[in-house]
């Protein structure tokens, strides 16, 4: 599964990666390189957790170059409109094998797919020296932004779930699931509601081996109250 991730990138990086449009006519944010300026008040996060808002990219209609994508900030934890005001689960992940057919996700898969850009994600495997489960930070080996396939709701207060696939050989050493990772050239096809379901489904596959790397990090990441750059630092003494 994918239960925590990091978000540290600049608007310029996102813009260049996906040719994004920004909401409210503030395309000048695409020139920002600090990673600290944003459209919705969201600072960088080193321990993004469920129930928090994060950035996502969705289809925004056509421009002169064709279909475009725009940034918005849904909450992590899928809650369709018909569940608002009711007690019930708010899944943070949806399985690639059933997302197109499951009752909770079927409508979103058909019409409201999105991409959640992250810097890395955490997974827990083995035991740390303090006896707790050992957290690992998994990132792209090329240090690029990781584009995870997701679905979102149409509700006034949008929410999302990240789609997971079976683990590739690399991730299988840590966990049996991993996020569905898209390459930039697949983003618009994934987000486009006119993309045939079978084509969208074909994009949900384990990343090839060699795309990711990982290192052990401090068990401080276990607490969502901790959110600082030191959480991502490798534990050199364990290498």
Foldseek 3Di string as FASTA:
>chain_A
DFFWFWAAFALLLVCVLAVADEPPPPNVSNVDGHSADDDPPDHTWHTDGAQAWAKKWAWDAADPVGIHIYIDIAGQFADAPVCPPHDDGRAQEDELVPQCPDPSRNVQQLAFKIKGWGQWTKAFADADPVGHTWIKTKGFPVSGIWIFIWTWYPDPRIYIHTYKYAEDPVCVNGDGIDTQTAHNVCRCLLRDSPNDSVVNSVSRDYDDPNGMDMAIFDCVSVDSVDIDPNRNDHPVVVD
